[in-house]
N, C-alpha and C. Protein backbone atom coordinates (compact mmCIF):
# COMPACT_ATOMS: atom_id res chain seq x y z
N UNK A 1 -6.38 -119.85 128.37
CA UNK A 1 -7.36 -120.91 128.27
C UNK A 1 -7.50 -121.56 129.47
N UNK A 2 -8.65 -121.78 130.03
CA UNK A 2 -8.76 -122.34 131.46
C UNK A 2 -8.78 -123.84 131.36
N UNK A 3 -8.45 -124.50 132.56
CA UNK A 3 -8.52 -125.96 132.56
C UNK A 3 -9.83 -126.58 132.06
N UNK A 4 -10.82 -125.95 132.33
CA UNK A 4 -12.20 -126.47 131.94
C UNK A 4 -12.28 -126.49 130.48
N UNK A 5 -11.89 -125.49 129.77
CA UNK A 5 -11.78 -125.52 128.34
C UNK A 5 -10.85 -126.59 127.82
N UNK A 6 -9.73 -126.78 128.35
CA UNK A 6 -8.95 -127.75 127.93
C UNK A 6 -9.40 -129.19 128.01
N UNK A 7 -10.16 -129.41 129.10
CA UNK A 7 -10.74 -130.70 129.29
C UNK A 7 -11.78 -130.86 128.46
N UNK A 8 -12.75 -129.95 128.14
CA UNK A 8 -13.74 -130.10 127.18
C UNK A 8 -13.31 -130.21 125.65
N UNK A 9 -12.10 -129.85 125.40
CA UNK A 9 -11.44 -130.00 124.10
C UNK A 9 -10.75 -131.50 124.11
N UNK A 10 -10.59 -132.16 125.09
CA UNK A 10 -10.22 -133.49 125.12
C UNK A 10 -8.66 -133.39 125.07
N UNK A 11 -8.03 -132.46 125.59
CA UNK A 11 -6.51 -132.31 125.71
C UNK A 11 -6.00 -133.32 126.50
N UNK A 12 -6.59 -133.75 127.59
CA UNK A 12 -5.94 -134.57 128.48
C UNK A 12 -6.54 -136.08 128.23
N UNK A 13 -5.73 -137.05 128.31
CA UNK A 13 -6.02 -138.51 128.12
C UNK A 13 -6.47 -138.93 129.55
N UNK A 14 -7.73 -139.25 129.59
CA UNK A 14 -8.45 -139.50 130.93
C UNK A 14 -7.76 -140.80 131.59
N UNK A 15 -7.52 -141.85 130.77
CA UNK A 15 -6.81 -142.96 131.40
C UNK A 15 -5.33 -142.68 132.07
N UNK A 16 -4.74 -141.93 131.37
CA UNK A 16 -3.41 -141.56 131.85
C UNK A 16 -3.39 -140.57 132.93
N UNK A 17 -4.42 -139.64 132.94
CA UNK A 17 -4.56 -138.81 134.01
C UNK A 17 -4.93 -139.50 135.30
N UNK A 18 -5.87 -140.42 135.21
CA UNK A 18 -6.36 -141.15 136.35
C UNK A 18 -5.14 -141.95 136.92
N UNK A 19 -4.32 -142.65 135.98
CA UNK A 19 -3.14 -143.34 136.49
C UNK A 19 -2.20 -142.51 137.13
N UNK A 20 -1.92 -141.29 136.75
CA UNK A 20 -1.16 -140.37 137.41
C UNK A 20 -1.53 -139.84 138.67
N UNK A 21 -2.76 -139.58 138.80
CA UNK A 21 -3.43 -139.16 140.18
C UNK A 21 -3.32 -140.28 141.14
N UNK A 22 -3.58 -141.50 140.61
CA UNK A 22 -3.61 -142.58 141.53
C UNK A 22 -2.24 -142.81 142.05
N UNK A 23 -1.20 -142.80 141.23
CA UNK A 23 0.20 -143.08 141.51
C UNK A 23 0.66 -141.98 142.52
N UNK A 24 0.19 -140.71 142.43
CA UNK A 24 0.70 -139.64 143.23
C UNK A 24 -0.01 -139.95 144.64
N UNK A 25 -1.38 -140.34 144.64
CA UNK A 25 -1.97 -140.45 145.88
C UNK A 25 -1.41 -141.66 146.63
N UNK A 26 -0.89 -142.65 145.88
CA UNK A 26 -0.40 -143.93 146.50
C UNK A 26 0.94 -143.48 147.10
N UNK A 27 1.68 -142.79 146.57
CA UNK A 27 3.01 -142.17 147.11
C UNK A 27 2.80 -141.34 148.29
N UNK A 28 1.76 -140.46 148.24
CA UNK A 28 1.41 -139.61 149.28
C UNK A 28 0.98 -140.34 150.41
N UNK A 29 0.08 -141.39 150.24
CA UNK A 29 -0.31 -142.29 151.33
C UNK A 29 0.81 -142.99 152.06
N UNK A 30 1.78 -143.46 151.22
CA UNK A 30 2.89 -144.06 151.81
C UNK A 30 3.68 -143.26 152.74
N UNK A 31 3.81 -141.99 152.39
CA UNK A 31 4.70 -140.99 153.07
C UNK A 31 3.83 -140.73 154.36
N UNK A 32 2.52 -140.43 154.36
CA UNK A 32 1.67 -140.13 155.38
C UNK A 32 1.52 -141.34 156.32
N UNK A 33 1.32 -142.54 155.99
CA UNK A 33 1.39 -143.63 156.76
C UNK A 33 2.60 -143.81 157.54
N UNK A 34 3.79 -143.47 156.88
CA UNK A 34 5.00 -143.65 157.65
C UNK A 34 4.97 -142.66 158.95
N UNK A 35 4.31 -141.42 158.76
CA UNK A 35 4.32 -140.50 159.85
C UNK A 35 3.10 -140.86 160.68
N UNK A 36 2.21 -141.81 160.39
CA UNK A 36 1.15 -142.24 161.28
C UNK A 36 -0.22 -141.75 160.97
N UNK A 37 -0.32 -141.07 159.75
CA UNK A 37 -1.56 -140.46 159.18
C UNK A 37 -2.16 -141.38 158.21
N UNK A 38 -3.29 -141.68 158.37
CA UNK A 38 -4.09 -142.61 157.38
C UNK A 38 -5.23 -141.81 156.74
N UNK A 39 -4.93 -141.33 155.44
CA UNK A 39 -5.79 -140.50 154.91
C UNK A 39 -6.86 -141.00 154.19
N UNK A 40 -6.74 -142.21 153.48
CA UNK A 40 -7.83 -142.76 152.71
C UNK A 40 -8.36 -144.06 153.24
N UNK A 41 -8.27 -144.33 154.60
CA UNK A 41 -8.89 -145.62 155.13
C UNK A 41 -10.40 -145.42 155.06
N UNK A 42 -10.95 -146.40 154.42
CA UNK A 42 -12.50 -146.50 154.50
C UNK A 42 -13.16 -145.45 153.90
N UNK A 43 -12.34 -144.70 152.95
CA UNK A 43 -12.99 -143.65 152.26
C UNK A 43 -12.77 -143.85 150.64
N UNK A 44 -13.79 -143.16 149.91
CA UNK A 44 -13.62 -143.40 148.37
C UNK A 44 -12.53 -142.40 148.09
N UNK A 45 -11.82 -142.61 146.85
CA UNK A 45 -10.70 -141.93 146.48
C UNK A 45 -11.00 -141.38 145.15
N UNK A 46 -11.01 -140.00 145.02
CA UNK A 46 -11.13 -139.34 143.77
C UNK A 46 -9.93 -139.40 143.05
N UNK A 47 -10.09 -139.55 141.75
CA UNK A 47 -8.84 -139.71 140.74
C UNK A 47 -9.27 -138.47 139.77
N UNK A 48 -8.73 -138.45 138.54
CA UNK A 48 -8.87 -137.34 137.72
C UNK A 48 -10.44 -137.19 137.24
N UNK A 49 -10.99 -138.19 136.76
CA UNK A 49 -12.52 -138.11 136.43
C UNK A 49 -13.25 -139.24 136.87
N UNK A 50 -12.95 -139.92 137.94
CA UNK A 50 -13.56 -141.14 138.58
C UNK A 50 -13.27 -141.15 140.10
N UNK A 51 -14.01 -142.10 140.67
CA UNK A 51 -13.86 -142.26 142.07
C UNK A 51 -13.83 -143.75 142.30
N UNK A 52 -12.94 -144.21 143.06
CA UNK A 52 -12.62 -145.75 143.38
C UNK A 52 -12.82 -145.81 144.90
N UNK A 53 -13.20 -147.14 145.30
CA UNK A 53 -13.38 -147.40 146.71
C UNK A 53 -11.93 -147.56 147.33
N UNK A 54 -11.95 -147.44 148.57
CA UNK A 54 -10.77 -147.68 149.37
C UNK A 54 -10.16 -149.14 149.18
N UNK A 55 -11.00 -150.03 148.93
CA UNK A 55 -10.49 -151.34 148.69
C UNK A 55 -9.95 -151.44 147.26
N UNK A 56 -10.44 -150.87 146.38
CA UNK A 56 -9.72 -150.65 144.95
C UNK A 56 -8.46 -150.00 144.97
N UNK A 57 -8.49 -148.83 145.91
CA UNK A 57 -7.14 -148.01 146.06
C UNK A 57 -6.09 -148.81 146.71
N UNK A 58 -6.44 -149.78 147.54
CA UNK A 58 -5.39 -150.59 148.05
C UNK A 58 -4.91 -151.63 147.25
N UNK A 59 -5.66 -152.14 146.18
CA UNK A 59 -5.34 -153.17 145.21
C UNK A 59 -4.51 -152.49 144.23
N UNK A 60 -3.83 -153.33 143.35
CA UNK A 60 -3.10 -152.94 142.24
C UNK A 60 -4.04 -152.37 141.26
N UNK A 61 -3.51 -151.18 140.72
CA UNK A 61 -4.35 -150.45 139.77
C UNK A 61 -3.74 -150.70 138.31
N UNK A 62 -4.56 -151.00 137.29
CA UNK A 62 -4.14 -151.29 136.00
C UNK A 62 -4.78 -150.35 135.08
N UNK A 63 -3.91 -149.57 134.37
CA UNK A 63 -4.53 -148.60 133.45
C UNK A 63 -5.08 -149.20 132.14
N UNK A 64 -6.31 -149.02 132.05
CA UNK A 64 -6.97 -149.61 130.77
C UNK A 64 -7.74 -148.51 130.08
N UNK A 65 -7.63 -148.37 128.80
CA UNK A 65 -8.27 -147.52 127.92
C UNK A 65 -9.69 -147.54 128.17
N UNK A 66 -10.55 -146.38 128.08
CA UNK A 66 -11.92 -146.67 128.27
C UNK A 66 -12.54 -147.00 126.82
N UNK A 67 -13.77 -147.51 126.81
CA UNK A 67 -14.37 -147.75 125.54
C UNK A 67 -14.66 -146.64 124.71
N UNK A 68 -14.68 -146.75 123.40
CA UNK A 68 -14.81 -145.64 122.60
C UNK A 68 -16.28 -145.12 122.78
N UNK A 69 -16.36 -143.76 122.70
CA UNK A 69 -17.67 -143.04 123.06
C UNK A 69 -18.39 -142.71 121.73
């Protein structure tokens, strides 16, 4: 079963996946900044199923459940 099928079945919790990707990228950026590489400066940042601005990426992220569909 491919990942596209699992996504379409709703297996992944979107809010938790966005939070996990965000936290990974923050950790990755801290490591890269330490070495002098700035990966997301002035660029939008893609998460699991959404995109945030670099300003939002630099701010504190709060995981909030999405509205019922």
